[in-house]
Amino acid sequence: MNLQKMIQNVNCEVLFGDASVTDIKRVVFDSRHVEQGDLFVAMPGAKNDGHQFVLDTMEKGASAVAIEKGQKRIASDIIMNMAREKNVVVLELPESRLGFASLSAEFFSQPADKLNLIGVTGTKGKTTTTFMVYHILEKAGQRSGLIGTVCNIINGESVEAGRTTPEAFEFQGMLQKMVDTGSENCVMEVSSLGLKYRRNSGCRYDIVALTNIYRDHISPEEHPNEEDYFASKLMLFDQAKTAVIHRDINGFDRAYAYASKHCPVITFGIDGEADVVALDVKKVIRDGIHGSTFMIRSPWYSGEFFIPLPGKFNVQNALCAIAIAGLSHIPEDAVRSALATVSVPGRLERVQHQSNIPVYVDYAHNEESLVQLLAELRPFCHGRLITVFGAGGNRPKERRFGMGRASGNGSDYSIVTTDNPRFEKPMAIIEDILKGMQETDGAYEVVVDRTEAIRKAIQMAQKDDYVIIAGKGHEKYQDVNGEKTHYDDVEVAKAILDEEQARTALS
């Protein structure tokens, strides 16, 4: 795209060069990936400052560079001298991250304006809610795309996601592909870090939703404190035409007050004073599927709904999806049918097998998630809850203690194992988990190898027992010392079940 056309609606100043005769191939923020014809945006980061690489990107053939106003990493005269030598346009942005998002949106001619854009944020429930909304829209005959933690779906094709909210240029490119392939809607998870780092700034969301707020993602690599985390979540309302908020959550009053200043607000909840309410929630088993039924009271729909996902938290996710569907004018039959058949990879996903032992894989990777998961499964399980879990390395230690407490209190037997140790020793992480476990009376053992831990759980399971494999969910890798190797809890569990079935047949 021509640079002059690209910047005409962007808050920036041309410090050097002629933007009218400069064409841009891509907008890039990582200097390692700069190629000839790119626009490099220098951004200060937690570990490195992109301004220190501005000269390198000019050497690589960047057609333009953008620096942040007031940056002191490299002297302006040095930048200008190199720009003259290489004939590179130099832009100045008031804020690099915001500028990067704006430039990316303009490069693709604002594709969000051509879509019904729906964003869901929250500590938990983003993935399940977005999958529910996506399936509702598809059931209603509306071609849609999805951007999220598990995968990205464009034109019906699913691709594994790299991060929940992509960086701005990738994000805008995905929206453009959706437009090009005839999508009417985009449903997306919006992470707190995506908001904090302005990855989706410049987009106007038709509907945004807040599922909940819990203490999470507090670390040197993420948010320094709870206030920063909450404030980042609230930023989504700045870009909303309509908001949907969970009425029953901690922090509701603050979220509602903030959102109300920007747009109309619809609320949802269970047995409470909300616009969309679930009444008479019941745990049921239909055709061997564990789920929930509930009666709906809302401005658009009424009567009984069924979801093939057990747990109060999944009813809450369904209420959020129902509110979004109502605001999107989706017919009730499509909403009811889609919710009755929805499935979400790695979210209480039952391993499909002929075995009589139910084996579930779930993404629960912190204390609150695991507490809720085990509490909701308990009424269905007439035997023992056997839980296999670990905790990620290079993450807050409090999460490890909490996972130990949660499984110790909620499981009949726990098998503590390895889960993405990253750059830490697996046993060091496990020892932290055991500190939480030992605060409870729960029975447990340690099996460091995750595959052997899953095997142990399946082999010890008897009639009426449930096996829960928690922590990784949809993830298809194990991260050890920065190297990711293929690992899928569902695949591993199914292979072990096959082995056990074959062994039993021979005995």
Protein backbone atom coordinates (compact mmCIF):
# COMPACT_ATOMS: atom_id res chain seq x y z
CA MET A 1 0.00 0.00 0.00
CA ASN A 2 1.09 3.57 -0.66
CA LEU A 3 2.40 5.05 2.58
CA GLN A 4 0.76 8.44 2.12
CA LYS A 5 -2.64 6.81 1.72
CA MET A 6 -1.93 4.55 4.66
CA ILE A 7 -1.15 7.32 7.13
CA GLN A 8 -3.80 9.85 6.15
CA ASN A 9 -6.03 8.78 9.10
CA VAL A 10 -3.19 7.88 11.49
CA ASN A 11 -1.94 10.26 14.15
CA CYS A 12 1.69 10.60 13.07
CA GLU A 13 4.23 13.04 11.65
CA VAL A 14 6.57 12.52 8.69
CA LEU A 15 10.03 13.55 9.94
CA PHE A 16 11.89 12.65 6.76
CA GLY A 17 11.22 11.37 3.26
CA ASP A 18 8.39 11.39 0.75
CA ALA A 19 5.52 9.13 1.81
CA SER A 20 3.63 9.76 -1.46
CA VAL A 21 6.19 7.80 -3.51
CA THR A 22 6.80 5.06 -0.94
CA ASP A 23 5.03 1.70 -1.06
CA ILE A 24 4.80 -0.59 1.97
CA LYS A 25 4.78 -4.40 1.76
CA ARG A 26 4.10 -5.15 5.45
CA VAL A 27 4.01 -3.48 8.86
CA VAL A 28 6.49 -5.16 11.24
CA PHE A 29 7.47 -4.63 14.88
CA ASP A 30 10.07 -7.43 15.22
CA SER A 31 13.34 -6.26 13.65
CA ARG A 32 14.44 -9.88 13.07
CA HIS A 33 11.66 -10.32 10.53
CA VAL A 34 12.13 -7.10 8.55
CA GLU A 35 12.42 -7.50 4.78
CA GLN A 36 12.83 -5.10 1.89
CA GLY A 37 9.81 -2.84 1.52
CA ASP A 38 8.56 -3.18 5.10
CA LEU A 39 7.52 -0.45 7.54
CA PHE A 40 9.26 -1.11 10.86
CA VAL A 41 7.56 0.25 13.99
CA ALA A 42 9.98 0.61 16.92
CA MET A 43 8.32 -0.17 20.23
CA PRO A 44 9.71 -0.14 23.77
CA GLY A 45 9.36 -3.61 25.32
CA ALA A 46 9.78 -5.31 28.68
CA LYS A 47 13.22 -6.66 27.75
CA ASN A 48 14.29 -4.83 24.60
CA ASP A 49 13.59 -1.46 23.04
CA GLY A 50 12.87 -1.66 19.31
CA HIS A 51 14.51 1.71 18.78
CA GLN A 52 17.93 0.12 19.23
CA PHE A 53 17.31 -1.85 16.02
CA VAL A 54 16.08 1.00 13.81
CA LEU A 55 19.41 1.32 11.95
CA ASP A 56 19.56 -2.44 11.41
CA THR A 57 16.14 -2.43 9.76
CA MET A 58 17.23 0.33 7.39
CA GLU A 59 20.22 -1.81 6.43
CA LYS A 60 17.83 -4.71 5.76
CA GLY A 61 15.86 -2.62 3.29
CA ALA A 62 12.94 -1.21 5.23
CA SER A 63 11.14 1.42 3.17
CA ALA A 64 10.04 3.30 6.28
CA VAL A 65 10.55 3.30 10.03
CA ALA A 66 8.33 4.68 12.77
CA ILE A 67 9.70 5.87 16.11
CA GLU A 68 7.93 6.94 19.29
CA LYS A 69 7.85 10.62 20.19
CA GLY A 70 10.28 11.36 23.02
CA GLN A 71 12.27 8.12 22.70
CA LYS A 72 15.83 8.43 23.99
CA ARG A 73 17.28 5.09 22.93
CA ILE A 74 18.97 6.47 19.82
CA ALA A 75 19.74 10.06 18.84
CA SER A 76 17.45 11.56 16.20
CA ASP A 77 20.32 12.92 14.12
CA ILE A 78 21.78 9.41 13.80
CA ILE A 79 18.42 8.10 12.58
CA MET A 80 18.08 10.98 10.09
CA ASN A 81 21.58 10.52 8.70
CA MET A 82 20.94 6.85 8.02
CA ALA A 83 17.51 7.66 6.55
CA ARG A 84 19.09 10.10 4.08
CA GLU A 85 21.75 7.56 3.14
CA LYS A 86 19.23 4.74 2.58
CA ASN A 87 16.31 6.92 1.38
CA VAL A 88 14.00 5.68 4.13
CA VAL A 89 10.89 7.54 5.31
CA VAL A 90 10.86 8.28 9.04
CA LEU A 91 7.55 8.61 10.90
CA GLU A 92 6.98 9.74 14.47
CA LEU A 93 4.10 8.30 16.53
CA PRO A 94 2.75 9.64 19.84
CA GLU A 95 2.56 6.02 21.10
CA SER A 96 4.19 3.20 19.16
CA ARG A 97 1.88 0.34 20.17
CA LEU A 98 -1.25 2.30 19.37
CA GLY A 99 0.35 3.52 16.16
CA PHE A 100 1.27 -0.02 15.14
CA ALA A 101 -2.36 -1.09 15.54
CA SER A 102 -3.63 1.92 13.57
CA LEU A 103 -1.11 1.45 10.76
CA SER A 104 -1.97 -2.25 10.54
CA ALA A 105 -5.70 -1.52 10.31
CA GLU A 106 -5.13 1.11 7.60
CA PHE A 107 -2.84 -1.23 5.64
CA PHE A 108 -5.79 -3.63 5.26
CA SER A 109 -8.31 -0.79 4.76
CA GLN A 110 -10.10 -1.26 8.10
CA PRO A 111 -11.56 -4.77 7.60
CA ALA A 112 -13.28 -4.71 11.01
CA ASP A 113 -15.71 -2.13 9.63
CA LYS A 114 -16.95 -4.75 7.14
CA LEU A 115 -17.72 -7.38 9.81
CA ASN A 116 -20.02 -7.80 12.76
CA LEU A 117 -17.21 -7.91 15.30
CA ILE A 118 -17.85 -9.68 18.63
CA GLY A 119 -15.21 -9.69 21.38
CA VAL A 120 -15.26 -11.76 24.58
CA THR A 121 -12.91 -11.13 27.49
CA GLY A 122 -12.64 -12.53 31.02
CA THR A 123 -10.36 -14.70 33.11
CA LYS A 124 -12.28 -17.85 32.29
CA GLY A 125 -14.94 -18.86 29.80
CA LYS A 126 -13.66 -16.94 26.76
CA THR A 127 -12.98 -20.03 24.68
CA THR A 128 -16.22 -21.85 25.50
CA THR A 129 -18.33 -18.72 25.00
CA THR A 130 -16.78 -17.84 21.65
CA PHE A 131 -17.21 -21.41 20.40
CA MET A 132 -20.86 -21.28 21.46
CA VAL A 133 -21.42 -17.98 19.66
CA TYR A 134 -19.59 -19.21 16.56
CA HIS A 135 -21.75 -22.35 16.38
CA ILE A 136 -24.93 -20.32 16.91
CA LEU A 137 -24.06 -17.97 14.04
CA GLU A 138 -23.15 -20.85 11.75
CA LYS A 139 -26.36 -22.69 12.66
CA ALA A 140 -28.26 -19.54 11.71
CA GLY A 141 -26.64 -19.67 8.27
CA GLN A 142 -24.26 -16.77 8.83
CA ARG A 143 -20.73 -17.41 7.63
CA SER A 144 -18.38 -16.49 10.46
CA GLY A 145 -14.77 -16.54 11.55
CA LEU A 146 -13.25 -17.21 14.96
CA ILE A 147 -10.05 -16.01 16.61
CA GLY A 148 -9.06 -17.58 19.91
CA THR A 149 -6.88 -19.65 22.18
CA VAL A 150 -7.60 -23.06 20.71
CA CYS A 151 -7.65 -22.21 17.02
CA ASN A 152 -8.48 -19.64 14.37
CA ILE A 153 -11.24 -20.46 11.89
CA ILE A 154 -11.44 -18.69 8.53
CA ASN A 155 -13.72 -19.87 5.71
CA GLY A 156 -14.42 -23.07 7.68
CA GLU A 157 -10.74 -23.99 7.93
CA SER A 158 -9.29 -24.35 11.42
CA VAL A 159 -5.64 -23.48 12.14
CA GLU A 160 -3.92 -23.88 15.49
CA ALA A 161 -3.55 -20.52 17.23
CA GLY A 162 -0.22 -19.09 18.35
CA ARG A 163 -1.66 -16.79 21.01
CA THR A 164 -5.14 -15.79 22.18
CA THR A 165 -5.08 -12.31 20.65
CA PRO A 166 -2.66 -12.03 17.68
CA GLU A 167 -0.41 -9.03 17.20
CA ALA A 168 -2.05 -6.20 15.31
CA PHE A 169 -0.78 -6.84 11.77
CA GLU A 170 -1.59 -10.56 11.92
CA PHE A 171 -4.97 -9.79 13.50
CA GLN A 172 -5.94 -7.29 10.82
CA GLY A 173 -4.77 -9.68 8.12
CA MET A 174 -7.02 -12.39 9.51
CA LEU A 175 -9.98 -10.02 9.51
CA GLN A 176 -9.25 -9.16 5.87
CA LYS A 177 -9.19 -12.87 4.93
CA MET A 178 -12.58 -13.26 6.59
CA VAL A 179 -13.93 -10.36 4.53
CA ASP A 180 -12.40 -11.75 1.33
CA THR A 181 -13.98 -15.19 1.90
CA GLY A 182 -17.46 -13.84 2.58
CA SER A 183 -17.69 -13.90 6.38
CA GLU A 184 -20.35 -11.73 7.96
CA ASN A 185 -19.11 -12.07 11.53
CA CYS A 186 -15.90 -12.45 13.51
CA VAL A 187 -16.10 -13.86 17.04
CA MET A 188 -12.91 -13.47 19.03
CA GLU A 189 -11.35 -13.93 22.42
CA VAL A 190 -9.73 -10.74 23.65
CA SER A 191 -6.99 -11.30 26.22
CA SER A 192 -5.94 -8.85 28.89
CA LEU A 193 -2.46 -8.65 27.36
CA GLY A 194 -3.97 -8.10 23.92
CA LEU A 195 -5.81 -5.12 25.36
CA LYS A 196 -2.88 -3.84 27.39
CA TYR A 197 -0.58 -3.96 24.38
CA ARG A 198 -3.23 -2.42 22.08
CA ARG A 199 -3.22 -5.31 19.59
CA ASN A 200 -6.83 -4.69 18.59
CA SER A 201 -6.98 -0.92 19.02
CA GLY A 202 -8.72 1.00 16.28
CA CYS A 203 -11.48 -1.61 15.89
CA ARG A 204 -15.06 -0.84 16.80
CA TYR A 205 -16.76 -3.91 18.31
CA ASP A 206 -20.46 -4.34 17.69
CA ILE A 207 -20.76 -6.44 20.87
CA VAL A 208 -18.28 -7.09 23.67
CA ALA A 209 -18.71 -9.37 26.67
CA LEU A 210 -17.08 -9.80 30.09
CA THR A 211 -17.46 -13.34 31.47
CA ASN A 212 -15.73 -12.91 34.85
CA ILE A 213 -12.68 -11.55 36.67
CA TYR A 214 -10.44 -13.66 38.91
CA ARG A 215 -6.95 -13.10 40.22
CA ASP A 216 -4.76 -14.49 37.47
CA HIS A 217 -1.97 -13.57 35.07
CA ILE A 218 -0.18 -11.60 37.78
CA SER A 219 3.54 -11.98 37.11
CA PRO A 220 6.56 -10.00 35.86
CA GLU A 221 5.85 -11.34 32.34
CA GLU A 222 2.15 -10.40 32.39
CA HIS A 223 0.43 -7.94 34.77
CA PRO A 224 2.30 -6.46 37.76
CA ASN A 225 -0.83 -6.43 39.96
CA GLU A 226 -4.60 -7.03 40.03
CA GLU A 227 -5.38 -3.39 39.29
CA ASP A 228 -3.39 -3.48 36.06
CA TYR A 229 -5.16 -6.72 35.10
CA PHE A 230 -8.67 -5.40 35.76
CA ALA A 231 -7.97 -2.05 34.11
CA SER A 232 -6.69 -3.84 31.01
CA LYS A 233 -9.90 -5.87 30.78
CA LEU A 234 -12.02 -2.72 31.04
CA MET A 235 -10.28 -1.21 28.01
CA LEU A 236 -12.44 -3.39 25.76
CA PHE A 237 -15.50 -1.30 26.65
CA ASP A 238 -13.79 1.76 25.15
CA GLN A 239 -14.31 0.17 21.72
CA ALA A 240 -17.84 -1.19 22.17
CA LYS A 241 -21.22 -0.35 20.68
CA THR A 242 -22.98 -2.69 23.14
CA ALA A 243 -21.68 -4.57 26.20
CA VAL A 244 -22.70 -7.83 27.87
CA ILE A 245 -21.58 -8.32 31.49
CA HIS A 246 -21.95 -11.20 33.95
CA ARG A 247 -24.11 -9.87 36.80
CA ASP A 248 -22.86 -12.34 39.45
CA ILE A 249 -19.11 -11.63 39.34
CA ASN A 250 -16.82 -9.83 41.74
CA GLY A 251 -16.14 -6.39 40.32
CA PHE A 252 -19.51 -6.17 38.55
CA ASP A 253 -20.30 -2.69 39.89
CA ARG A 254 -17.02 -1.29 38.65
CA ALA A 255 -17.29 -2.98 35.26
CA TYR A 256 -20.92 -1.90 34.80
CA ALA A 257 -20.18 1.71 35.77
CA TYR A 258 -17.23 1.88 33.37
CA ALA A 259 -19.03 0.21 30.47
CA SER A 260 -22.17 2.32 30.92
CA LYS A 261 -20.16 5.46 30.17
CA HIS A 262 -19.37 4.10 26.73
CA CYS A 263 -22.37 2.07 25.55
CA PRO A 264 -25.64 0.31 26.49
CA VAL A 265 -25.16 -2.72 28.78
CA ILE A 266 -27.01 -6.06 28.91
CA THR A 267 -26.47 -8.29 31.97
CA PHE A 268 -26.75 -12.05 32.50
CA GLY A 269 -26.74 -14.32 35.53
CA ILE A 270 -28.26 -17.28 37.35
CA ASP A 271 -31.34 -16.82 39.57
CA GLY A 272 -30.69 -13.10 39.92
CA GLU A 273 -31.60 -9.64 38.79
CA ALA A 274 -30.25 -9.63 35.26
CA ASP A 275 -31.57 -9.12 31.72
CA VAL A 276 -30.79 -12.71 30.73
CA VAL A 277 -31.40 -15.24 33.52
CA ALA A 278 -31.11 -19.02 33.85
CA LEU A 279 -33.67 -20.57 36.21
CA ASP A 280 -34.12 -24.12 37.48
CA VAL A 281 -30.61 -25.29 36.47
CA LYS A 282 -30.35 -29.09 36.53
CA LYS A 283 -27.51 -31.56 35.98
CA VAL A 284 -28.60 -34.18 33.46
CA ILE A 285 -27.29 -37.05 31.35
CA ARG A 286 -28.77 -37.28 27.85
CA ASP A 287 -27.74 -40.13 25.55
CA GLY A 288 -24.71 -40.71 27.76
CA ILE A 289 -23.68 -37.05 27.59
CA HIS A 290 -23.22 -35.11 30.82
CA GLY A 291 -24.77 -31.68 30.61
CA SER A 292 -27.22 -29.16 32.02
CA THR A 293 -30.75 -27.98 31.40
CA PHE A 294 -32.12 -24.59 32.41
CA MET A 295 -35.06 -22.31 31.79
CA ILE A 296 -34.33 -18.99 30.09
CA ARG A 297 -35.84 -15.60 30.83
CA SER A 298 -34.63 -12.96 28.39
CA PRO A 299 -35.86 -10.19 26.06
CA TRP A 300 -35.61 -12.59 23.10
CA TYR A 301 -35.92 -16.25 24.11
CA SER A 302 -37.71 -18.38 26.69
CA GLY A 303 -38.23 -22.02 27.62
CA GLU A 304 -35.83 -24.88 28.33
CA PHE A 305 -32.31 -25.05 26.92
CA PHE A 306 -29.81 -27.92 27.05
CA ILE A 307 -26.02 -27.78 26.79
CA PRO A 308 -23.85 -30.93 26.53
CA LEU A 309 -21.38 -29.47 29.03
CA PRO A 310 -21.80 -29.99 32.78
CA GLY A 311 -21.21 -27.29 35.33
CA LYS A 312 -22.69 -24.03 36.50
CA PHE A 313 -19.83 -22.19 34.84
CA ASN A 314 -20.85 -23.59 31.47
CA VAL A 315 -24.43 -22.44 32.04
CA GLN A 316 -22.96 -18.98 32.68
CA ASN A 317 -21.01 -19.21 29.41
CA ALA A 318 -24.19 -20.24 27.61
CA LEU A 319 -26.06 -17.25 29.07
CA CYS A 320 -23.36 -14.94 27.72
CA ALA A 321 -23.65 -16.57 24.29
CA ILE A 322 -27.46 -16.32 24.42
CA ALA A 323 -27.27 -12.61 25.19
CA ILE A 324 -24.90 -12.06 22.25
CA ALA A 325 -27.21 -14.11 20.01
CA GLY A 326 -30.22 -12.05 21.08
CA LEU A 327 -28.43 -8.80 20.35
CA SER A 328 -27.45 -10.27 16.96
CA HIS A 329 -31.13 -11.09 16.15
CA ILE A 330 -30.53 -14.84 15.79
CA PRO A 331 -33.69 -17.02 15.63
CA GLU A 332 -34.43 -19.03 18.78
CA ASP A 333 -34.39 -22.40 17.00
CA ALA A 334 -30.82 -21.81 15.81
CA VAL A 335 -29.68 -20.79 19.29
CA ARG A 336 -31.32 -23.78 20.96
CA SER A 337 -30.05 -26.28 18.36
CA ALA A 338 -26.48 -24.94 18.33
CA LEU A 339 -26.13 -24.97 22.11
CA ALA A 340 -27.50 -28.52 22.33
CA THR A 341 -24.71 -29.84 20.08
CA VAL A 342 -21.74 -27.56 20.81
CA SER A 343 -18.33 -29.02 21.68
CA VAL A 344 -15.16 -27.22 22.68
CA PRO A 345 -11.69 -28.82 22.28
CA GLY A 346 -9.96 -29.26 25.63
CA ARG A 347 -12.86 -27.89 27.64
CA LEU A 348 -14.26 -30.84 29.60
CA GLU A 349 -13.64 -32.90 26.46
CA ARG A 350 -14.49 -36.57 26.89
CA VAL A 351 -11.99 -38.95 25.31
CA GLN A 352 -14.05 -40.94 22.80
CA HIS A 353 -13.61 -44.64 23.51
CA GLN A 354 -15.56 -47.82 24.19
CA SER A 355 -14.20 -47.99 27.73
CA ASN A 356 -16.71 -47.73 30.56
CA ILE A 357 -14.35 -45.35 32.39
CA PRO A 358 -15.11 -41.69 31.56
CA VAL A 359 -11.86 -39.86 30.83
CA TYR A 360 -12.03 -36.07 30.52
CA VAL A 361 -9.42 -33.55 29.36
CA ASP A 362 -9.77 -29.98 30.58
CA TYR A 363 -7.75 -26.77 30.45
CA ALA A 364 -8.20 -26.01 34.19
CA HIS A 365 -4.75 -24.65 35.01
CA ASN A 366 -5.32 -22.57 38.14
CA GLU A 367 -6.94 -23.09 41.52
CA GLU A 368 -10.32 -21.52 40.79
CA SER A 369 -10.78 -23.43 37.53
CA LEU A 370 -9.86 -26.76 39.07
CA VAL A 371 -12.07 -26.17 42.13
CA GLN A 372 -15.07 -25.46 39.88
CA LEU A 373 -14.35 -28.35 37.55
CA LEU A 374 -14.14 -30.97 40.30
CA ALA A 375 -17.11 -29.56 42.19
CA GLU A 376 -19.31 -29.70 39.11
CA LEU A 377 -18.28 -33.26 38.21
CA ARG A 378 -18.75 -34.60 41.73
CA PRO A 379 -22.56 -35.06 41.52
CA PHE A 380 -22.20 -37.15 38.34
CA CYS A 381 -19.43 -39.39 39.68
CA HIS A 382 -20.58 -42.32 41.81
CA GLY A 383 -17.04 -43.59 42.32
CA ARG A 384 -13.73 -41.77 42.69
CA LEU A 385 -12.52 -38.60 40.98
CA ILE A 386 -8.93 -39.37 39.92
CA THR A 387 -7.13 -36.23 38.80
CA VAL A 388 -3.88 -35.99 36.83
CA PHE A 389 -2.35 -32.51 36.81
CA GLY A 390 0.80 -30.42 37.04
CA ALA A 391 1.65 -26.72 36.78
CA GLY A 392 3.51 -24.63 34.23
CA GLY A 393 7.06 -23.48 34.79
CA ASN A 394 8.07 -19.81 34.82
CA ARG A 395 4.65 -18.86 36.14
CA PRO A 396 3.64 -17.58 39.61
CA LYS A 397 4.32 -20.11 42.36
CA GLU A 398 0.99 -19.28 44.00
CA ARG A 399 -0.70 -21.04 41.07
CA ARG A 400 1.15 -24.26 41.97
CA PHE A 401 0.15 -24.15 45.64
CA GLY A 402 -3.44 -23.45 44.59
CA MET A 403 -3.56 -26.34 42.12
CA GLY A 404 -2.36 -28.66 44.89
CA ARG A 405 -5.01 -27.42 47.30
CA ALA A 406 -7.75 -27.66 44.69
CA SER A 407 -6.99 -31.24 43.71
CA GLY A 408 -6.32 -32.32 47.29
CA ASN A 409 -9.70 -31.01 48.41
CA GLY A 410 -11.72 -31.93 45.33
CA SER A 411 -10.28 -35.25 44.16
CA ASP A 412 -10.39 -38.68 45.75
CA TYR A 413 -6.92 -39.36 44.39
CA SER A 414 -4.40 -37.05 42.71
CA ILE A 415 -1.47 -37.92 40.48
CA VAL A 416 0.93 -34.99 40.32
CA THR A 417 2.99 -34.81 37.14
CA THR A 418 4.71 -32.52 34.63
CA ASP A 419 3.02 -29.74 32.62
CA ASN A 420 5.12 -27.41 30.45
CA PRO A 421 8.08 -26.99 32.83
CA ARG A 422 9.65 -24.51 30.41
CA PHE A 423 12.98 -23.50 31.93
CA GLU A 424 12.40 -24.98 35.38
CA LYS A 425 13.09 -28.47 36.72
CA PRO A 426 9.89 -30.54 36.82
CA MET A 427 10.52 -31.79 40.37
CA ALA A 428 10.99 -28.24 41.66
CA ILE A 429 7.53 -27.36 40.33
CA ILE A 430 6.04 -30.57 41.72
CA GLU A 431 7.48 -29.84 45.16
CA ASP A 432 5.66 -26.50 45.14
CA ILE A 433 2.42 -28.24 44.16
CA LEU A 434 2.85 -30.69 47.03
CA LYS A 435 3.05 -27.81 49.53
CA GLY A 436 -0.53 -26.97 48.61
CA MET A 437 -1.54 -30.62 48.44
CA GLN A 438 -0.21 -31.25 51.95
CA GLU A 439 -2.55 -28.59 53.35
CA THR A 440 -5.36 -31.07 52.57
CA ASP A 441 -6.19 -34.65 53.47
CA GLY A 442 -6.20 -35.72 49.84
CA ALA A 443 -4.45 -38.94 48.80
CA TYR A 444 -1.82 -38.51 46.07
CA GLU A 445 1.31 -39.78 44.42
CA VAL A 446 3.93 -38.28 42.12
CA VAL A 447 4.56 -39.64 38.62
CA VAL A 448 6.89 -37.21 36.85
CA ASP A 449 6.39 -38.52 33.31
CA ARG A 450 3.00 -37.22 32.14
CA THR A 451 2.24 -40.20 29.90
CA GLU A 452 2.96 -42.63 32.73
CA ALA A 453 0.83 -40.52 35.07
CA ILE A 454 -2.12 -40.77 32.67
CA ARG A 455 -1.50 -44.50 32.30
CA LYS A 456 -1.47 -44.93 36.08
CA ALA A 457 -4.80 -43.08 36.43
CA ILE A 458 -6.50 -45.13 33.72
CA GLN A 459 -5.16 -48.43 35.04
CA MET A 460 -6.31 -47.76 38.60
CA ALA A 461 -9.78 -46.54 37.56
CA GLN A 462 -12.67 -48.87 38.36
CA LYS A 463 -16.38 -48.91 37.54
CA ASP A 464 -18.03 -45.55 38.37
CA ASP A 465 -14.66 -43.72 38.65
CA TYR A 466 -13.87 -40.63 36.58
CA VAL A 467 -10.39 -39.76 35.30
CA ILE A 468 -9.69 -36.03 34.90
CA ILE A 469 -6.58 -34.90 33.01
CA ALA A 470 -6.23 -31.22 33.82
CA GLY A 471 -4.04 -28.28 32.87
CA LYS A 472 -3.27 -28.56 29.16
CA GLY A 473 -6.67 -28.97 27.55
CA HIS A 474 -6.44 -28.11 23.86
CA GLU A 475 -2.65 -27.67 23.89
CA LYS A 476 -0.81 -30.01 21.57
CA TYR A 477 2.71 -29.55 22.90
CA GLN A 478 4.95 -29.97 25.91
CA ASP A 479 7.34 -27.04 26.50
CA VAL A 480 10.70 -28.16 27.97
CA ASN A 481 13.66 -25.76 28.02
CA GLY A 482 12.04 -23.60 25.38
CA GLU A 483 11.56 -26.50 22.95
CA LYS A 484 7.99 -27.49 22.13
CA THR A 485 7.41 -31.12 21.20
CA HIS A 486 4.08 -32.59 20.13
CA TYR A 487 1.95 -33.75 23.05
CA ASP A 488 -1.83 -34.09 23.15
CA ASP A 489 -3.56 -35.32 26.32
CA VAL A 490 -6.53 -36.62 24.31
CA GLU A 491 -4.31 -38.60 21.91
CA VAL A 492 -2.22 -40.01 24.76
CA ALA A 493 -5.26 -41.04 26.80
CA LYS A 494 -6.93 -42.68 23.79
CA ALA A 495 -3.78 -44.63 22.94
CA ILE A 496 -3.52 -45.90 26.52
CA LEU A 497 -7.20 -46.87 26.55
CA ASP A 498 -6.62 -48.82 23.31
CA GLU A 499 -3.64 -50.58 24.89
CA GLU A 500 -5.62 -51.47 28.00
CA GLN A 501 -8.51 -52.78 25.94
CA ALA A 502 -6.17 -54.96 23.87
CA ARG A 503 -4.41 -56.23 27.00
CA THR A 504 -7.73 -57.10 28.62
CA ALA A 505 -8.86 -58.97 25.51
CA LEU A 506 -5.72 -61.12 25.58
CA SER A 507 -5.90 -61.93 29.29
